[in-house]
Amino acid sequence: MQNKTLDFHMTTTCNHACIFCSEDDRMKLYAKHPLTELQIKTILVDRAKKWFNYVNFTGWEPTLFPNFLKLLKFAKTLGYTIYVGTNGTMLAKPEFAKEFLEYVDVLSLSIHWFNQDSCVAQVWDEGHYARFRDIARNVTQYKKSHHYFQSNIVINELNYRHLVDIAQNMMDMGYAVNHFLVSYIAPEGLARKHYKELSMDYNDVIPYIHALRDFSRKNNKELRIFGIPLCILGADYEELSNDTYWKERNTIERFTTRDGKVTLVDIYSPDNSRERVFVDKCTDCKWRESPCTGVFEQYLKHYSF
C-alpha cells in the first residue's frame, strides 16, 4: 500500500534554553497553542481510518510539546510510521531519548553548523553546540536496527562553504547519521524577510555540493538535495533530488486570520513546490514538474536565472 502522509507543524516560540524548563513551564509556553494533544489524537484516529500510515511531527521544536512522548506512543499504537524533525532539545536528556526512540522510526536532526561560532550565529544559543554532544550520544546509544537517522542541513550565506565540515563534524560528535538532506534556504518565516542576506547565487554553492557528494559516497551516506533546480545541479544529480522521493501529503498547522483569529488548517500538497515557479528556460526542460518544480520566486528578485 502506498504511504499516505500526514504532517503536523507544531510551532512554538520557545528557544533552546527550554531544555531546563519544568513541565509546568513548558505547559505555559503552549497555553495559547492551537494544536492540543486531544486535537492531534482526534486527527490521528480520523486519518488512520482513511488509510494514512505515515506521520511527520515538525515545526520549530516538537520535542517540547507537552506529553509529546505519550503522543508518539499513541500514534504508534495506531500503526503509524513516525518521522520527527527536531533540533534535538529534549533528546539531550537520556531518559527522554531512550523512550523517544521506542516509538520513532525516522529521526531528522537540524544541523547547520560546524563549530561553536557557526552554531551561535545560526541558532542564537551559546549552549547548543555543547549540548549536541549529549544529543548525539543519547540517540546513537539507543538506536536500533530499524531506525533511520537523517540530518537536515539548511544551506545559507553563513554556511554554504562548509558543507563537508558540517557533515564531518556531526560524525565526529557521534551522530550515527545515515542520510544528509541539504536544503537551499526557502523563503519562509524569518528567512523571507532576510532572504537577500541569507541566500546566495545557485552557481556559487555548486562546488561545495560536489564536494559533499564525494564525501557522502566515501562515507557510505545517502545524500539528497532540495531547492536547487536540476538544470543547475546537472544530470547526474537527478537521483539525488529530494523532490524525486517526495510524496503528496496533508499538513495540519496553525493559521492566523487577518482579524487575528487562530485556527487550524488542513493543507493538501500534491507536490513540494513551496513557492517555486517555472520561468521561460523551463519550458522545454525534461525535468519540468517531475522531479523539478522550478526556482524560488523570491530568488528571482535577487539573482539572474
C-alpha atoms as a PDB file:
ATOM      1  CA  MET A   1       0.000   0.000   0.000  1.00  0.00           C
ATOM      2  CA  GLN A   2       1.286   3.467  -0.898  1.00  0.00           C
ATOM      3  CA  ASN A   3       2.136   5.704   2.046  1.00  0.00           C
ATOM      4  CA  LYS A   4      -0.386   8.410   2.860  1.00  0.00           C
ATOM      5  CA  THR A   5       1.416  11.088   4.821  1.00  0.00           C
ATOM      6  CA  LEU A   6       0.152  13.467   7.493  1.00  0.00           C
ATOM      7  CA  ASP A   7       2.240  16.444   8.689  1.00  0.00           C
ATOM      8  CA  PHE A   8       1.781  18.242  11.989  1.00  0.00           C
ATOM      9  CA  HIS A   9       3.533  21.632  12.216  1.00  0.00           C
ATOM     10  CA  MET A  10       3.816  22.035  15.975  1.00  0.00           C
ATOM     11  CA  THR A  11       5.007  25.640  16.108  1.00  0.00           C
ATOM     12  CA  THR A  12       6.431  27.112  19.298  1.00  0.00           C
ATOM     13  CA  THR A  13       8.225  30.335  20.129  1.00  0.00           C
ATOM     14  CA  CYS A  14      10.468  28.866  22.819  1.00  0.00           C
ATOM     15  CA  ASN A  15      14.223  28.847  22.489  1.00  0.00           C
ATOM     16  CA  HIS A  16      16.801  26.162  23.145  1.00  0.00           C
ATOM     17  CA  ALA A  17      17.151  27.161  26.799  1.00  0.00           C
ATOM     18  CA  CYS A  18      13.793  25.482  27.330  1.00  0.00           C
ATOM     19  CA  ILE A  19      15.634  22.219  27.920  1.00  0.00           C
ATOM     20  CA  PHE A  20      15.917  23.432  31.502  1.00  0.00           C
ATOM     21  CA  CYS A  21      12.217  24.309  31.804  1.00  0.00           C
ATOM     22  CA  SER A  22       9.960  22.374  34.121  1.00  0.00           C
ATOM     23  CA  GLU A  23       6.905  20.578  32.759  1.00  0.00           C
ATOM     24  CA  ASP A  24       4.741  23.397  34.146  1.00  0.00           C
ATOM     25  CA  ASP A  25       6.870  25.998  32.372  1.00  0.00           C
ATOM     26  CA  ARG A  26       6.522  24.152  29.080  1.00  0.00           C
ATOM     27  CA  MET A  27       2.764  23.884  29.543  1.00  0.00           C
ATOM     28  CA  LYS A  28       2.605  27.672  29.964  1.00  0.00           C
ATOM     29  CA  LEU A  29       4.556  28.160  26.739  1.00  0.00           C
ATOM     30  CA  TYR A  30       1.892  26.159  24.932  1.00  0.00           C
ATOM     31  CA  ALA A  31      -1.083  27.768  26.672  1.00  0.00           C
ATOM     32  CA  LYS A  32      -2.073  29.675  23.542  1.00  0.00           C
ATOM     33  CA  HIS A  33      -1.069  26.955  21.113  1.00  0.00           C
ATOM     34  CA  PRO A  34      -3.999  25.840  18.941  1.00  0.00           C
ATOM     35  CA  LEU A  35      -2.791  22.257  18.482  1.00  0.00           C
ATOM     36  CA  THR A  36      -3.772  20.488  21.658  1.00  0.00           C
ATOM     37  CA  GLU A  37      -2.991  16.886  22.451  1.00  0.00           C
ATOM     38  CA  LEU A  38      -6.667  15.975  22.065  1.00  0.00           C
ATOM     39  CA  GLN A  39      -6.895  17.677  18.664  1.00  0.00           C
ATOM     40  CA  ILE A  40      -3.851  15.838  17.375  1.00  0.00           C
ATOM     41  CA  LYS A  41      -5.097  12.489  18.669  1.00  0.00           C
ATOM     42  CA  THR A  42      -8.513  13.070  17.120  1.00  0.00           C
ATOM     43  CA  ILE A  43      -6.935  13.831  13.743  1.00  0.00           C
ATOM     44  CA  LEU A  44      -4.613  10.826  14.001  1.00  0.00           C
ATOM     45  CA  VAL A  45      -7.554   8.498  14.625  1.00  0.00           C
ATOM     46  CA  ASP A  46      -9.606  10.011  11.815  1.00  0.00           C
ATOM     47  CA  ARG A  47      -6.775   9.760   9.270  1.00  0.00           C
ATOM     48  CA  ALA A  48      -5.862   6.230  10.316  1.00  0.00           C
ATOM     49  CA  LYS A  49      -9.391   5.241   9.310  1.00  0.00           C
ATOM     50  CA  LYS A  50      -8.673   6.861   5.923  1.00  0.00           C
ATOM     51  CA  TRP A  51      -5.522   4.768   5.423  1.00  0.00           C
ATOM     52  CA  PHE A  52      -2.944   7.353   6.402  1.00  0.00           C
ATOM     53  CA  ASN A  53       0.035   5.413   7.693  1.00  0.00           C
ATOM     54  CA  TYR A  54       2.938   7.898   7.907  1.00  0.00           C
ATOM     55  CA  VAL A  55       3.066  10.920  10.210  1.00  0.00           C
ATOM     56  CA  ASN A  56       5.601  13.755  10.440  1.00  0.00           C
ATOM     57  CA  PHE A  57       5.948  15.846  13.588  1.00  0.00           C
ATOM     58  CA  THR A  58       7.890  19.006  12.683  1.00  0.00           C
ATOM     59  CA  GLY A  59       7.795  22.770  13.128  1.00  0.00           C
ATOM     60  CA  TRP A  60      10.214  24.643  15.380  1.00  0.00           C
ATOM     61  CA  GLU A  61      10.676  22.183  18.246  1.00  0.00           C
ATOM     62  CA  PRO A  62       8.185  19.315  18.586  1.00  0.00           C
ATOM     63  CA  THR A  63      10.044  17.622  21.471  1.00  0.00           C
ATOM     64  CA  LEU A  64       8.913  20.490  23.705  1.00  0.00           C
ATOM     65  CA  PHE A  65       5.256  19.739  23.063  1.00  0.00           C
ATOM     66  CA  PRO A  66       3.603  18.761  26.372  1.00  0.00           C
ATOM     67  CA  ASN A  67       3.169  14.993  26.696  1.00  0.00           C
ATOM     68  CA  PHE A  68       4.999  14.505  23.396  1.00  0.00           C
ATOM     69  CA  LEU A  69       6.176  11.015  24.342  1.00  0.00           C
ATOM     70  CA  LYS A  70       2.606   9.961  25.122  1.00  0.00           C
ATOM     71  CA  LEU A  71       1.531  11.389  21.776  1.00  0.00           C
ATOM     72  CA  LEU A  72       4.205   9.384  19.951  1.00  0.00           C
ATOM     73  CA  LYS A  73       3.129   6.215  21.760  1.00  0.00           C
ATOM     74  CA  PHE A  74      -0.481   6.865  20.777  1.00  0.00           C
ATOM     75  CA  ALA A  75       0.475   7.349  17.108  1.00  0.00           C
ATOM     76  CA  LYS A  76       2.463   4.123  17.176  1.00  0.00           C
ATOM     77  CA  THR A  77      -0.494   2.146  18.593  1.00  0.00           C
ATOM     78  CA  LEU A  78      -2.481   3.328  15.553  1.00  0.00           C
ATOM     79  CA  GLY A  79       0.116   1.789  13.260  1.00  0.00           C
ATOM     80  CA  TYR A  80       1.817   4.942  12.007  1.00  0.00           C
ATOM     81  CA  THR A  81       5.404   5.091  10.827  1.00  0.00           C
ATOM     82  CA  ILE A  82       6.717   8.134  12.710  1.00  0.00           C
ATOM     83  CA  TYR A  83       9.116  10.833  11.488  1.00  0.00           C
ATOM     84  CA  VAL A  84      10.278  13.656  13.773  1.00  0.00           C
ATOM     85  CA  GLY A  85      12.171  16.724  12.555  1.00  0.00           C
ATOM     86  CA  THR A  86      13.842  18.407  15.517  1.00  0.00           C
ATOM     87  CA  ASN A  87      16.823  20.375  16.776  1.00  0.00           C
ATOM     88  CA  GLY A  88      17.070  17.703  19.469  1.00  0.00           C
ATOM     89  CA  THR A  89      16.392  19.877  22.510  1.00  0.00           C
ATOM     90  CA  MET A  90      14.845  17.258  24.805  1.00  0.00           C
ATOM     91  CA  LEU A  91      16.992  14.466  23.386  1.00  0.00           C
ATOM     92  CA  ALA A  92      19.855  15.791  25.492  1.00  0.00           C
ATOM     93  CA  LYS A  93      18.097  14.028  28.364  1.00  0.00           C
ATOM     94  CA  PRO A  94      18.970  10.288  28.262  1.00  0.00           C
ATOM     95  CA  GLU A  95      15.654   9.063  29.679  1.00  0.00           C
ATOM     96  CA  PHE A  96      13.712  11.134  27.140  1.00  0.00           C
ATOM     97  CA  ALA A  97      15.871   9.975  24.219  1.00  0.00           C
ATOM     98  CA  LYS A  98      15.504   6.324  25.185  1.00  0.00           C
ATOM     99  CA  GLU A  99      11.697   6.406  25.306  1.00  0.00           C
ATOM    100  CA  PHE A 100      11.506   8.685  22.256  1.00  0.00           C
ATOM    101  CA  LEU A 101      13.291   6.085  20.144  1.00  0.00           C
ATOM    102  CA  GLU A 102      10.900   3.367  21.294  1.00  0.00           C
ATOM    103  CA  TYR A 103       8.280   4.991  19.057  1.00  0.00           C
ATOM    104  CA  VAL A 104      10.127   6.960  16.367  1.00  0.00           C
ATOM    105  CA  ASP A 105      11.225   5.375  13.088  1.00  0.00           C
ATOM    106  CA  VAL A 106      12.940   8.300  11.332  1.00  0.00           C
ATOM    107  CA  LEU A 107      14.834  10.998  13.230  1.00  0.00           C
ATOM    108  CA  SER A 108      15.920  14.143  11.396  1.00  0.00           C
ATOM    109  CA  LEU A 109      18.192  16.457  13.375  1.00  0.00           C
ATOM    110  CA  SER A 110      18.617  20.031  12.156  1.00  0.00           C
ATOM    111  CA  ILE A 111      22.363  20.720  11.966  1.00  0.00           C
ATOM    112  CA  HIS A 112      23.514  23.782  10.033  1.00  0.00           C
ATOM    113  CA  TRP A 113      26.837  24.478  11.760  1.00  0.00           C
ATOM    114  CA  PHE A 114      30.329  23.019  12.178  1.00  0.00           C
ATOM    115  CA  ASN A 115      31.787  24.748  15.255  1.00  0.00           C
ATOM    116  CA  GLN A 116      30.733  26.843  18.238  1.00  0.00           C
ATOM    117  CA  ASP A 117      30.802  30.187  16.440  1.00  0.00           C
ATOM    118  CA  SER A 118      28.825  28.992  13.406  1.00  0.00           C
ATOM    119  CA  CYS A 119      26.306  27.338  15.713  1.00  0.00           C
ATOM    120  CA  VAL A 120      25.689  30.514  17.728  1.00  0.00           C
ATOM    121  CA  ALA A 121      25.419  32.556  14.527  1.00  0.00           C
ATOM    122  CA  GLN A 122      22.580  30.363  13.278  1.00  0.00           C
ATOM    123  CA  VAL A 123      20.649  29.144  16.314  1.00  0.00           C
ATOM    124  CA  TRP A 124      21.386  32.062  18.703  1.00  0.00           C
ATOM    125  CA  ASP A 125      22.137  29.780  21.629  1.00  0.00           C
ATOM    126  CA  GLU A 126      25.544  29.666  23.318  1.00  0.00           C
ATOM    127  CA  GLY A 127      24.916  26.229  24.779  1.00  0.00           C
ATOM    128  CA  HIS A 128      23.505  24.291  21.846  1.00  0.00           C
ATOM    129  CA  TYR A 129      26.820  23.232  20.293  1.00  0.00           C
ATOM    130  CA  ALA A 130      27.985  21.582  23.509  1.00  0.00           C
ATOM    131  CA  ARG A 131      24.510  20.171  24.111  1.00  0.00           C
ATOM    132  CA  PHE A 132      24.567  18.435  20.757  1.00  0.00           C
ATOM    133  CA  ARG A 133      27.263  16.088  22.032  1.00  0.00           C
ATOM    134  CA  ASP A 134      24.746  14.821  24.579  1.00  0.00           C
ATOM    135  CA  ILE A 135      22.048  14.609  21.913  1.00  0.00           C
ATOM    136  CA  ALA A 136      24.303  12.659  19.525  1.00  0.00           C
ATOM    137  CA  ARG A 137      25.482  10.331  22.280  1.00  0.00           C
ATOM    138  CA  ASN A 138      21.985   9.609  23.560  1.00  0.00           C
ATOM    139  CA  VAL A 139      20.287   8.892  20.259  1.00  0.00           C
ATOM    140  CA  THR A 140      23.208   6.805  19.000  1.00  0.00           C
ATOM    141  CA  GLN A 141      23.272   4.801  22.211  1.00  0.00           C
ATOM    142  CA  TYR A 142      19.600   3.871  21.884  1.00  0.00           C
ATOM    143  CA  LYS A 143      19.488   3.468  18.117  1.00  0.00           C
ATOM    144  CA  LYS A 144      18.047   0.154  16.931  1.00  0.00           C
ATOM    145  CA  SER A 145      18.303  -1.639  13.615  1.00  0.00           C
ATOM    146  CA  HIS A 146      15.028  -0.210  12.253  1.00  0.00           C
ATOM    147  CA  HIS A 147      15.932   3.412  12.978  1.00  0.00           C
ATOM    148  CA  TYR A 148      16.925   5.747  10.172  1.00  0.00           C
ATOM    149  CA  PHE A 149      18.843   8.874  11.165  1.00  0.00           C
ATOM    150  CA  GLN A 150      18.937  11.965   8.951  1.00  0.00           C
ATOM    151  CA  SER A 151      20.488  15.388   9.196  1.00  0.00           C
ATOM    152  CA  ASN A 152      18.732  18.442   7.812  1.00  0.00           C
ATOM    153  CA  ILE A 153      21.333  20.963   6.652  1.00  0.00           C
ATOM    154  CA  VAL A 154      19.813  24.259   5.532  1.00  0.00           C
ATOM    155  CA  ILE A 155      22.419  25.947   3.365  1.00  0.00           C
ATOM    156  CA  ASN A 156      22.648  29.708   3.513  1.00  0.00           C
ATOM    157  CA  GLU A 157      25.186  32.501   3.161  1.00  0.00           C
ATOM    158  CA  LEU A 158      26.602  31.701   6.612  1.00  0.00           C
ATOM    159  CA  ASN A 159      27.485  28.074   5.978  1.00  0.00           C
ATOM    160  CA  TYR A 160      27.435  27.002   2.326  1.00  0.00           C
ATOM    161  CA  ARG A 161      31.241  26.976   2.038  1.00  0.00           C
ATOM    162  CA  HIS A 162      31.432  24.447   4.867  1.00  0.00           C
ATOM    163  CA  LEU A 163      29.085  21.615   3.874  1.00  0.00           C
ATOM    164  CA  VAL A 164      31.777  18.953   4.241  1.00  0.00           C
ATOM    165  CA  ASP A 165      32.853  20.474   7.569  1.00  0.00           C
ATOM    166  CA  ILE A 166      29.254  20.266   8.810  1.00  0.00           C
ATOM    167  CA  ALA A 167      28.920  16.626   7.779  1.00  0.00           C
ATOM    168  CA  GLN A 168      32.297  15.660   9.219  1.00  0.00           C
ATOM    169  CA  ASN A 169      31.629  17.497  12.468  1.00  0.00           C
ATOM    170  CA  MET A 170      28.320  15.775  13.154  1.00  0.00           C
ATOM    171  CA  MET A 171      30.011  12.405  12.583  1.00  0.00           C
ATOM    172  CA  ASP A 172      32.915  13.387  14.842  1.00  0.00           C
ATOM    173  CA  MET A 173      30.417  14.328  17.554  1.00  0.00           C
ATOM    174  CA  GLY A 174      28.994  10.806  17.413  1.00  0.00           C
ATOM    175  CA  TYR A 175      25.742  11.198  15.490  1.00  0.00           C
ATOM    176  CA  ALA A 176      25.127   7.884  13.682  1.00  0.00           C
ATOM    177  CA  VAL A 177      23.697   9.598  10.620  1.00  0.00           C
ATOM    178  CA  ASN A 178      22.518   7.598   7.593  1.00  0.00           C
ATOM    179  CA  HIS A 179      21.410  10.423   5.331  1.00  0.00           C
ATOM    180  CA  PHE A 180      22.330  14.048   4.621  1.00  0.00           C
ATOM    181  CA  LEU A 181      19.460  16.248   3.411  1.00  0.00           C
ATOM    182  CA  VAL A 182      20.832  19.546   2.121  1.00  0.00           C
ATOM    183  CA  SER A 183      18.197  22.231   1.581  1.00  0.00           C
ATOM    184  CA  TYR A 184      18.764  25.578  -0.115  1.00  0.00           C
ATOM    185  CA  ILE A 185      17.111  28.101   2.167  1.00  0.00           C
ATOM    186  CA  ALA A 186      13.399  28.504   1.395  1.00  0.00           C
ATOM    187  CA  PRO A 187      11.710  31.939   1.632  1.00  0.00           C
ATOM    188  CA  GLU A 188       9.583  31.047   4.656  1.00  0.00           C
ATOM    189  CA  GLY A 189       9.210  32.545   8.109  1.00  0.00           C
ATOM    190  CA  LEU A 190      12.033  34.891   9.116  1.00  0.00           C
ATOM    191  CA  ALA A 191      14.028  33.745   6.089  1.00  0.00           C
ATOM    192  CA  ARG A 192      11.574  35.556   3.815  1.00  0.00           C
ATOM    193  CA  LYS A 193      12.311  38.868   5.493  1.00  0.00           C
ATOM    194  CA  HIS A 194      16.082  38.340   5.351  1.00  0.00           C
ATOM    195  CA  TYR A 195      16.269  36.379   2.112  1.00  0.00           C
ATOM    196  CA  LYS A 196      18.789  38.627   0.370  1.00  0.00           C
ATOM    197  CA  GLU A 197      21.235  38.408   3.283  1.00  0.00           C
ATOM    198  CA  LEU A 198      20.841  34.647   3.772  1.00  0.00           C
ATOM    199  CA  SER A 199      20.656  33.410   0.174  1.00  0.00           C
ATOM    200  CA  MET A 200      23.406  33.024  -2.415  1.00  0.00           C
ATOM    201  CA  ASP A 201      23.692  32.515  -6.153  1.00  0.00           C
ATOM    202  CA  TYR A 202      22.953  28.895  -7.050  1.00  0.00           C
ATOM    203  CA  ASN A 203      26.155  28.692  -9.053  1.00  0.00           C
ATOM    204  CA  ASP A 204      28.285  29.719  -6.081  1.00  0.00           C
ATOM    205  CA  VAL A 205      27.149  26.758  -3.987  1.00  0.00           C
ATOM    206  CA  ILE A 206      27.582  24.051  -6.638  1.00  0.00           C
ATOM    207  CA  PRO A 207      31.312  23.356  -5.982  1.00  0.00           C
ATOM    208  CA  TYR A 208      30.501  22.713  -2.328  1.00  0.00           C
ATOM    209  CA  ILE A 209      27.596  20.441  -3.269  1.00  0.00           C
ATOM    210  CA  HIS A 210      30.010  18.438  -5.441  1.00  0.00           C
ATOM    211  CA  ALA A 211      32.417  18.148  -2.515  1.00  0.00           C
ATOM    212  CA  LEU A 212      29.671  16.936  -0.203  1.00  0.00           C
ATOM    213  CA  ARG A 213      28.552  14.384  -2.781  1.00  0.00           C
ATOM    214  CA  ASP A 214      32.085  12.966  -2.906  1.00  0.00           C
ATOM    215  CA  PHE A 215      32.292  12.968   0.891  1.00  0.00           C
ATOM    216  CA  SER A 216      28.942  11.177   1.174  1.00  0.00           C
ATOM    217  CA  ARG A 217      29.971   8.474  -1.275  1.00  0.00           C
ATOM    218  CA  LYS A 218      33.283   7.951   0.510  1.00  0.00           C
ATOM    219  CA  ASN A 219      31.494   7.523   3.851  1.00  0.00           C
ATOM    220  CA  ASN A 220      28.564   5.452   2.522  1.00  0.00           C
ATOM    221  CA  LYS A 221      25.965   8.088   3.387  1.00  0.00           C
ATOM    222  CA  GLU A 222      22.833   8.901   1.420  1.00  0.00           C
ATOM    223  CA  LEU A 223      22.583  12.431   0.047  1.00  0.00           C
ATOM    224  CA  ARG A 224      19.532  14.384  -1.096  1.00  0.00           C
ATOM    225  CA  ILE A 225      19.364  17.975  -2.363  1.00  0.00           C
ATOM    226  CA  PHE A 226      16.349  20.272  -2.081  1.00  0.00           C
ATOM    227  CA  GLY A 227      15.708  23.703  -3.563  1.00  0.00           C
ATOM    228  CA  ILE A 228      18.304  23.874  -6.353  1.00  0.00           C
ATOM    229  CA  PRO A 229      16.950  23.337  -9.889  1.00  0.00           C
ATOM    230  CA  LEU A 230      18.254  20.278 -11.707  1.00  0.00           C
ATOM    231  CA  CYS A 231      19.454  22.369 -14.642  1.00  0.00           C
ATOM    232  CA  ILE A 232      21.917  23.926 -12.169  1.00  0.00           C
ATOM    233  CA  LEU A 233      22.817  20.711 -10.365  1.00  0.00           C
ATOM    234  CA  GLY A 234      23.290  18.703 -13.565  1.00  0.00           C
ATOM    235  CA  ALA A 235      22.007  15.435 -14.982  1.00  0.00           C
ATOM    236  CA  ASP A 236      23.970  13.210 -12.597  1.00  0.00           C
ATOM    237  CA  TYR A 237      22.026  14.702  -9.672  1.00  0.00           C
ATOM    238  CA  GLU A 238      18.598  13.553 -10.820  1.00  0.00           C
ATOM    239  CA  GLU A 239      18.563  10.645  -8.378  1.00  0.00           C
ATOM    240  CA  LEU A 240      19.810  12.951  -5.615  1.00  0.00           C
ATOM    241  CA  SER A 241      16.943  15.413  -5.958  1.00  0.00           C
ATOM    242  CA  ASN A 242      14.772  15.216  -2.861  1.00  0.00           C
ATOM    243  CA  ASP A 243      11.737  16.082  -4.995  1.00  0.00           C
ATOM    244  CA  THR A 244      12.139  12.708  -6.725  1.00  0.00           C
ATOM    245  CA  TYR A 245      11.189  10.999  -3.468  1.00  0.00           C
ATOM    246  CA  TRP A 246       8.655  13.467  -2.094  1.00  0.00           C
ATOM    247  CA  LYS A 247       5.087  12.181  -1.682  1.00  0.00           C
ATOM    248  CA  GLU A 248       1.813  14.078  -1.561  1.00  0.00           C
ATOM    249  CA  ARG A 249       0.597  14.836   1.928  1.00  0.00           C
ATOM    250  CA  ASN A 250      -1.810  16.719   4.172  1.00  0.00           C
ATOM    251  CA  THR A 251      -0.358  19.289   6.546  1.00  0.00           C
ATOM    252  CA  ILE A 252      -2.106  20.392   9.735  1.00  0.00           C
ATOM    253  CA  GLU A 253      -0.816  23.728  11.002  1.00  0.00           C
ATOM    254  CA  ARG A 254      -1.681  26.917  12.816  1.00  0.00           C
ATOM    255  CA  PHE A 255      -3.059  29.797  10.785  1.00  0.00           C
ATOM    256  CA  THR A 256      -3.813  33.324  11.962  1.00  0.00           C
ATOM    257  CA  THR A 257      -6.553  35.094  10.032  1.00  0.00           C
ATOM    258  CA  ARG A 258      -6.468  38.787   9.125  1.00  0.00           C
ATOM    259  CA  ASP A 259      -8.771  39.591  12.013  1.00  0.00           C
ATOM    260  CA  GLY A 260      -6.354  37.917  14.432  1.00  0.00           C
ATOM    261  CA  LYS A 261      -8.209  34.655  14.995  1.00  0.00           C
ATOM    262  CA  VAL A 262      -6.180  31.486  15.277  1.00  0.00           C
ATOM    263  CA  THR A 263      -7.483  28.422  13.530  1.00  0.00           C
ATOM    264  CA  LEU A 264      -6.309  25.068  12.217  1.00  0.00           C
ATOM    265  CA  VAL A 265      -5.939  24.472   8.516  1.00  0.00           C
ATOM    266  CA  ASP A 266      -5.572  21.227   6.616  1.00  0.00           C
ATOM    267  CA  ILE A 267      -3.440  21.847   3.525  1.00  0.00           C
ATOM    268  CA  TYR A 268      -3.244  19.263   0.774  1.00  0.00           C
ATOM    269  CA  SER A 269       0.106  19.414  -1.030  1.00  0.00           C
ATOM    270  CA  PRO A 270       0.276  17.414  -4.275  1.00  0.00           C
ATOM    271  CA  ASP A 271       3.896  18.488  -4.822  1.00  0.00           C
ATOM    272  CA  ASN A 272       6.810  20.055  -2.989  1.00  0.00           C
ATOM    273  CA  SER A 273       6.950  23.347  -4.903  1.00  0.00           C
ATOM    274  CA  ARG A 274       6.990  25.627  -1.822  1.00  0.00           C
ATOM    275  CA  GLU A 275       6.706  28.866  -3.813  1.00  0.00           C
ATOM    276  CA  ARG A 276       8.886  27.708  -6.678  1.00  0.00           C
ATOM    277  CA  VAL A 277       7.887  28.753 -10.171  1.00  0.00           C
ATOM    278  CA  PHE A 278       8.808  27.952 -13.755  1.00  0.00           C
ATOM    279  CA  VAL A 279      10.462  30.538 -15.999  1.00  0.00           C
ATOM    280  CA  ASP A 280      10.991  30.688 -19.746  1.00  0.00           C
ATOM    281  CA  LYS A 281      14.064  28.447 -19.689  1.00  0.00           C
ATOM    282  CA  CYS A 282      11.949  25.745 -18.001  1.00  0.00           C
ATOM    283  CA  THR A 283       9.575  25.433 -20.972  1.00  0.00           C
ATOM    284  CA  ASP A 284      11.280  22.541 -22.734  1.00  0.00           C
ATOM    285  CA  CYS A 285      13.146  21.124 -19.741  1.00  0.00           C
ATOM    286  CA  LYS A 286      12.868  17.349 -19.419  1.00  0.00           C
ATOM    287  CA  TRP A 287      12.794  17.650 -15.635  1.00  0.00           C
ATOM    288  CA  ARG A 288       9.926  20.169 -15.503  1.00  0.00           C
ATOM    289  CA  GLU A 289       7.385  19.190 -12.821  1.00  0.00           C
ATOM    290  CA  SER A 290       8.946  15.784 -12.302  1.00  0.00           C
ATOM    291  CA  PRO A 291      11.083  15.914 -10.343  1.00  0.00           C
ATOM    292  CA  CYS A 292      11.982  19.631 -10.616  1.00  0.00           C
ATOM    293  CA  THR A 293       9.383  22.232  -9.644  1.00  0.00           C
ATOM    294  CA  GLY A 294      11.377  25.270 -10.685  1.00  0.00           C
ATOM    295  CA  VAL A 295      13.092  28.129  -8.879  1.00  0.00           C
ATOM    296  CA  PHE A 296      12.050  30.038  -5.774  1.00  0.00           C
ATOM    297  CA  GLU A 297      10.128  33.129  -6.813  1.00  0.00           C
ATOM    298  CA  GLN A 298      11.897  35.091  -4.103  1.00  0.00           C
ATOM    299  CA  TYR A 299      15.266  34.014  -5.544  1.00  0.00           C
ATOM    300  CA  LEU A 300      14.373  35.639  -8.858  1.00  0.00           C
ATOM    301  CA  LYS A 301      14.076  39.029  -7.158  1.00  0.00           C
ATOM    302  CA  HIS A 302      17.781  38.998  -6.314  1.00  0.00           C
ATOM    303  CA  TYR A 303      19.589  36.776  -8.810  1.00  0.00           C
ATOM    304  CA  SER A 304      19.518  36.033 -12.510  1.00  0.00           C
ATOM    305  CA  PHE A 305      18.438  32.595 -13.657  1.00  0.00           C
END
